[in-house]
Amino acid sequence: MPKRVSTVLGREFGEALRVMIARTGLKEAELARKLGWEHAKLSDLVNGKGGSSLEELAFLLGVCGVKPDDFQYLKRLFLESRERGWLQLYNSALPPHVRTLIQHERMAKEIVHWSSLYLPGLLQIEQYARAIAEDSPFIEAEEVPNWVAARMERRTIVAGHRKFVFYVYEPVLHAQVGNADVMREQLHELLRMLIRPYITVRVLPAGRAISGDFTLLKFEKYEPVVFEGSLNSALFLDDKASTGLYQTAVKTMDRVALGREESRELITSIVS
């Protein structure tokens, strides 16, 4: 039997299914007995590894009393869940990819991020994030509070049980976002975060950028995932050819970026 592989889509499906199961008040083992399944079969399904037919899924969702809209959503994810990669299209400043991204960031053991337009979202203070949102022609005024709240929620991911490496484009450090006070406080926050041993910030000198912004997520149990966001879409890549290409890009940035201490000194000099 071929090894079952968990994909980004599969894990999104599994997380949504887990929510539906929780609403029944039953534990997974209890639900599996009620279905006449082995617990391992249900476990594979909620962990994004498949192993069930569409008919079996329909039976499961019927037992869980899932509503028609939720049934159609889960069915769509299930049918796509064996595909590698996932392109999400949206028409809102608060897109669905945020949930998917946060879910995978929480599972990651290491997060590598390259920023060429703004300082990394995981290191942004509220005033800096608000200035970005208020200056954006794509975010309506009424959406700004929720957009900023979502950005601040992502900051809770920054903790010592995982490693963070941020590559920042040097011009970003000089570009003023908000007023001078906001920018000064944001750079001071960057220096405060650098005290944490699990956070590394490396500055790429001007003229050495090699690609658009991306995030590389590495896991204990899963293959790496690359996230790229744009104005109306989000792309999650989990095939080896694509993730290998981005890991090569990271190695290139590692060679050309300033060292950790050199980067700290440069940020300190700008603040001063």
Protein backbone atom coordinates (compact mmCIF):
# COMPACT_ATOMS: atom_id res chain seq x y z
CA MET A 1 0.00 0.00 0.00
CA PRO A 2 1.48 3.42 -0.95
CA LYS A 3 2.40 5.70 1.91
CA ARG A 4 -0.31 8.25 2.66
CA VAL A 5 0.98 11.80 2.47
CA SER A 6 -0.49 14.78 4.28
CA THR A 7 -0.87 17.84 2.02
CA VAL A 8 -1.75 21.47 2.79
CA LEU A 9 -5.24 20.87 1.43
CA GLY A 10 -5.53 17.62 3.34
CA ARG A 11 -4.66 19.31 6.62
CA GLU A 12 -7.16 22.11 5.91
CA PHE A 13 -9.80 19.46 5.33
CA GLY A 14 -8.76 17.58 8.46
CA GLU A 15 -8.93 20.69 10.65
CA ALA A 16 -12.43 21.54 9.37
CA LEU A 17 -13.53 17.94 9.93
CA ARG A 18 -12.11 18.01 13.45
CA VAL A 19 -14.32 21.03 14.22
CA MET A 20 -17.40 19.18 12.98
CA ILE A 21 -16.56 16.13 15.08
CA ALA A 22 -16.03 18.31 18.17
CA ARG A 23 -19.56 19.66 17.78
CA THR A 24 -20.97 16.15 18.32
CA GLY A 25 -19.44 15.96 21.79
CA LEU A 26 -17.96 12.57 20.91
CA LYS A 27 -14.31 11.63 21.13
CA GLU A 28 -12.76 10.32 17.92
CA ALA A 29 -12.55 6.77 19.29
CA GLU A 30 -16.24 6.87 20.26
CA LEU A 31 -17.25 8.18 16.84
CA ALA A 32 -15.15 5.53 15.10
CA ARG A 33 -16.96 2.77 17.05
CA LYS A 34 -20.31 4.33 16.15
CA LEU A 35 -19.31 4.26 12.48
CA GLY A 36 -17.95 0.72 12.69
CA TRP A 37 -14.49 1.98 11.69
CA GLU A 38 -11.04 1.37 13.05
CA HIS A 39 -9.87 4.41 15.01
CA ALA A 40 -6.80 4.62 12.75
CA LYS A 41 -9.05 5.15 9.72
CA LEU A 42 -10.72 8.19 11.27
CA SER A 43 -7.38 9.42 12.59
CA ASP A 44 -5.87 9.35 9.08
CA LEU A 45 -8.83 11.31 7.78
CA VAL A 46 -8.64 14.13 10.35
CA ASN A 47 -4.86 14.31 9.89
CA GLY A 48 -5.24 15.00 6.18
CA LYS A 49 -4.01 11.60 4.98
CA GLY A 50 -7.21 10.42 3.30
CA GLY A 51 -7.80 6.66 3.20
CA SER A 52 -11.61 6.93 2.90
CA SER A 53 -14.03 7.08 -0.01
CA LEU A 54 -16.46 9.92 -0.71
CA GLU A 55 -19.33 7.62 0.30
CA GLU A 56 -17.67 6.93 3.65
CA LEU A 57 -17.13 10.65 4.17
CA ALA A 58 -20.81 11.30 3.45
CA PHE A 59 -21.75 8.63 6.01
CA LEU A 60 -19.45 10.23 8.59
CA LEU A 61 -20.81 13.73 8.00
CA GLY A 62 -24.37 12.43 8.19
CA VAL A 63 -23.70 10.82 11.58
CA CYS A 64 -22.18 14.14 12.72
CA GLY A 65 -25.29 16.04 11.60
CA VAL A 66 -23.30 18.38 9.38
CA LYS A 67 -25.33 21.16 7.72
CA PRO A 68 -25.60 21.25 3.89
CA ASP A 69 -23.25 24.24 3.41
CA ASP A 70 -20.59 22.67 5.61
CA PHE A 71 -21.08 19.35 3.83
CA GLN A 72 -20.44 20.93 0.42
CA TYR A 73 -17.33 22.75 1.75
CA LEU A 74 -15.87 19.57 3.23
CA LYS A 75 -16.74 17.56 0.13
CA ARG A 76 -14.90 20.06 -2.09
CA LEU A 77 -11.83 20.01 0.14
CA PHE A 78 -11.91 16.22 0.31
CA LEU A 79 -12.02 15.83 -3.47
CA GLU A 80 -9.08 18.22 -3.88
CA SER A 81 -7.07 17.04 -0.89
CA ARG A 82 -4.79 14.67 -2.80
CA GLU A 83 -3.56 17.52 -4.99
CA ARG A 84 -0.20 19.12 -4.32
CA GLY A 85 -0.25 22.87 -3.69
CA TRP A 86 -3.24 25.12 -3.16
CA LEU A 87 -4.15 28.40 -4.81
CA GLN A 88 -6.69 30.40 -2.81
CA LEU A 89 -8.48 33.25 -4.58
CA TYR A 90 -10.41 35.89 -2.65
CA ASN A 91 -11.95 39.35 -2.92
CA SER A 92 -11.50 40.60 0.62
CA ALA A 93 -8.77 42.29 2.65
CA LEU A 94 -9.39 39.54 5.23
CA PRO A 95 -8.81 36.48 3.03
CA PRO A 96 -9.27 32.81 3.98
CA HIS A 97 -5.54 32.11 3.67
CA VAL A 98 -4.92 33.75 7.05
CA ARG A 99 -6.52 30.81 8.84
CA THR A 100 -4.54 28.29 6.77
CA LEU A 101 -1.28 30.19 7.27
CA ILE A 102 -1.74 30.51 11.06
CA GLN A 103 -2.63 26.82 11.31
CA HIS A 104 0.61 25.82 9.57
CA GLU A 105 2.72 28.38 11.41
CA ARG A 106 1.53 26.88 14.70
CA MET A 107 2.59 23.40 13.54
CA ALA A 108 5.98 24.50 12.17
CA LYS A 109 9.28 23.85 13.92
CA GLU A 110 11.05 26.55 11.88
CA ILE A 111 9.75 29.58 9.96
CA VAL A 112 11.95 31.32 7.39
CA HIS A 113 10.59 34.57 5.96
CA TRP A 114 11.87 36.94 3.29
CA SER A 115 10.51 40.53 3.32
CA SER A 116 11.21 43.02 0.57
CA LEU A 117 8.33 45.52 1.01
CA TYR A 118 7.69 45.83 4.77
CA LEU A 119 9.17 44.48 7.95
CA PRO A 120 7.99 40.89 8.63
CA GLY A 121 4.39 40.66 9.77
CA LEU A 122 5.33 38.47 12.75
CA LEU A 123 7.55 41.29 14.06
CA GLN A 124 5.27 44.26 13.37
CA ILE A 125 3.97 46.43 16.19
CA GLU A 126 0.31 47.45 16.08
CA GLN A 127 1.00 51.07 15.02
CA TYR A 128 3.17 49.92 12.10
CA ALA A 129 0.57 47.38 10.95
CA ARG A 130 -2.19 49.98 11.24
CA ALA A 131 -0.21 52.46 9.15
CA ILE A 132 0.19 49.84 6.41
CA ALA A 133 -3.53 49.08 6.44
CA GLU A 134 -4.63 52.72 6.47
CA ASP A 135 -2.30 53.57 3.58
CA SER A 136 -3.41 50.63 1.45
CA PRO A 137 -5.84 51.35 -1.42
CA PHE A 138 -7.03 47.74 -1.17
CA ILE A 139 -8.23 47.78 2.46
CA GLU A 140 -11.49 49.58 3.23
CA ALA A 141 -11.53 51.82 6.31
CA GLU A 142 -14.06 49.59 8.08
CA GLU A 143 -11.82 46.55 7.51
CA VAL A 144 -8.72 48.11 9.07
CA PRO A 145 -9.42 47.10 12.73
CA ASN A 146 -10.03 43.46 11.81
CA TRP A 147 -7.01 43.41 9.49
CA VAL A 148 -4.76 44.76 12.26
CA ALA A 149 -6.28 42.37 14.82
CA ALA A 150 -5.52 39.41 12.52
CA ARG A 151 -1.93 40.62 12.12
CA MET A 152 -1.52 40.94 15.90
CA GLU A 153 -3.00 37.46 16.45
CA ARG A 154 -0.29 36.02 14.22
CA ARG A 155 2.35 37.57 16.49
CA THR A 156 1.36 35.11 19.24
CA ILE A 157 3.04 32.42 17.12
CA VAL A 158 6.46 33.89 17.95
CA ALA A 159 7.59 31.68 20.82
CA GLY A 160 10.70 29.78 21.85
CA HIS A 161 9.62 26.26 20.94
CA ARG A 162 10.23 27.06 17.26
CA LYS A 163 12.98 28.80 15.32
CA PHE A 164 12.55 31.98 13.25
CA VAL A 165 14.84 33.34 10.56
CA PHE A 166 13.87 36.65 8.95
CA TYR A 167 15.62 38.01 5.87
CA VAL A 168 14.86 41.73 5.49
CA TYR A 169 15.66 43.92 2.50
CA GLU A 170 17.79 46.89 3.62
CA PRO A 171 15.62 49.61 1.94
CA VAL A 172 12.70 48.45 4.12
CA LEU A 173 14.61 49.63 7.21
CA HIS A 174 14.85 53.15 5.77
CA ALA A 175 11.32 53.42 4.32
CA GLN A 176 9.07 55.32 6.73
CA VAL A 177 5.75 53.64 7.52
CA GLY A 178 3.48 55.89 9.54
CA ASN A 179 5.25 58.82 11.20
CA ALA A 180 8.80 59.00 12.49
CA ASP A 181 7.75 57.92 16.01
CA VAL A 182 6.05 54.78 14.67
CA MET A 183 9.09 53.84 12.62
CA ARG A 184 11.48 54.47 15.51
CA GLU A 185 9.40 52.31 17.87
CA GLN A 186 9.13 49.57 15.23
CA LEU A 187 12.90 49.43 14.81
CA HIS A 188 13.37 49.40 18.59
CA GLU A 189 10.92 46.47 18.72
CA LEU A 190 13.01 44.71 16.09
CA LEU A 191 16.09 45.12 18.29
CA ARG A 192 14.17 43.88 21.35
CA MET A 193 13.06 40.77 19.45
CA LEU A 194 16.67 40.09 18.44
CA ILE A 195 17.52 39.48 22.11
CA ARG A 196 15.54 36.25 21.90
CA PRO A 197 17.91 33.39 20.96
CA TYR A 198 15.34 31.68 18.73
CA ILE A 199 14.96 34.75 16.45
CA THR A 200 17.49 35.67 13.76
CA VAL A 201 17.24 38.74 11.53
CA ARG A 202 19.55 38.99 8.51
CA VAL A 203 19.63 42.11 6.32
CA LEU A 204 20.05 41.78 2.55
CA PRO A 205 21.92 44.80 1.15
CA ALA A 206 20.16 47.01 -1.39
CA GLY A 207 20.34 45.57 -4.88
CA ARG A 208 20.66 41.94 -3.70
CA ALA A 209 16.96 40.96 -3.62
CA ILE A 210 16.39 37.71 -5.52
CA SER A 211 12.60 37.17 -5.42
CA GLY A 212 9.28 38.40 -4.13
CA ASP A 213 8.27 37.85 -0.51
CA PHE A 214 7.72 34.29 0.68
CA THR A 215 7.56 32.17 3.82
CA LEU A 216 9.15 28.73 4.12
CA LEU A 217 7.68 26.54 6.86
CA LYS A 218 9.48 23.43 8.10
CA PHE A 219 7.82 20.71 10.19
CA GLU A 220 8.67 17.67 12.29
CA LYS A 221 6.15 15.35 10.62
CA TYR A 222 5.37 16.97 7.26
CA GLU A 223 7.22 18.06 4.17
CA PRO A 224 8.12 21.79 3.95
CA VAL A 225 5.51 24.27 2.73
CA VAL A 226 6.05 27.59 0.95
CA PHE A 227 3.53 30.42 1.22
CA GLU A 228 3.30 33.34 -1.19
CA GLY A 229 0.61 36.03 -0.92
CA SER A 230 -0.57 38.61 -3.45
CA LEU A 231 -3.36 41.19 -3.69
CA ASN A 232 -6.15 38.69 -4.36
CA SER A 233 -4.63 35.25 -3.95
CA ALA A 234 -2.50 33.03 -1.76
CA LEU A 235 -0.37 30.14 -2.98
CA PHE A 236 0.67 27.23 -0.79
CA LEU A 237 3.30 24.96 -2.35
CA ASP A 238 4.22 21.57 -0.90
CA ASP A 239 5.70 19.59 -3.81
CA LYS A 240 9.41 18.79 -3.54
CA ALA A 241 10.42 20.55 -6.76
CA SER A 242 8.90 23.87 -5.67
CA THR A 243 9.98 23.78 -2.04
CA GLY A 244 13.46 22.72 -3.12
CA LEU A 245 13.71 25.80 -5.32
CA TYR A 246 12.80 28.09 -2.43
CA GLN A 247 15.23 26.34 -0.11
CA THR A 248 17.93 27.06 -2.69
CA ALA A 249 16.83 30.72 -2.63
CA VAL A 250 17.25 30.74 1.15
CA LYS A 251 20.77 29.32 0.84
CA THR A 252 21.58 32.10 -1.64
CA MET A 253 20.27 34.76 0.75
CA ASP A 254 22.26 33.19 3.56
CA ARG A 255 25.44 33.75 1.53
CA VAL A 256 24.78 37.40 0.59
CA ALA A 257 23.02 38.71 3.73
CA LEU A 258 24.76 40.52 6.55
CA GLY A 259 25.51 38.37 9.59
CA ARG A 260 23.31 38.47 12.69
CA GLU A 261 25.55 40.94 14.56
CA GLU A 262 26.18 43.07 11.47
CA SER A 263 22.43 43.27 10.91
CA ARG A 264 21.86 44.29 14.53
CA GLU A 265 24.51 47.00 14.23
CA LEU A 266 22.96 48.35 11.04
CA ILE A 267 19.47 48.56 12.62
CA THR A 268 20.97 50.25 15.72
CA SER A 269 22.74 52.81 13.54
CA ILE A 270 19.49 53.65 11.73
CA VAL A 271 17.64 54.14 15.02
CA SER A 272 20.43 56.33 16.32
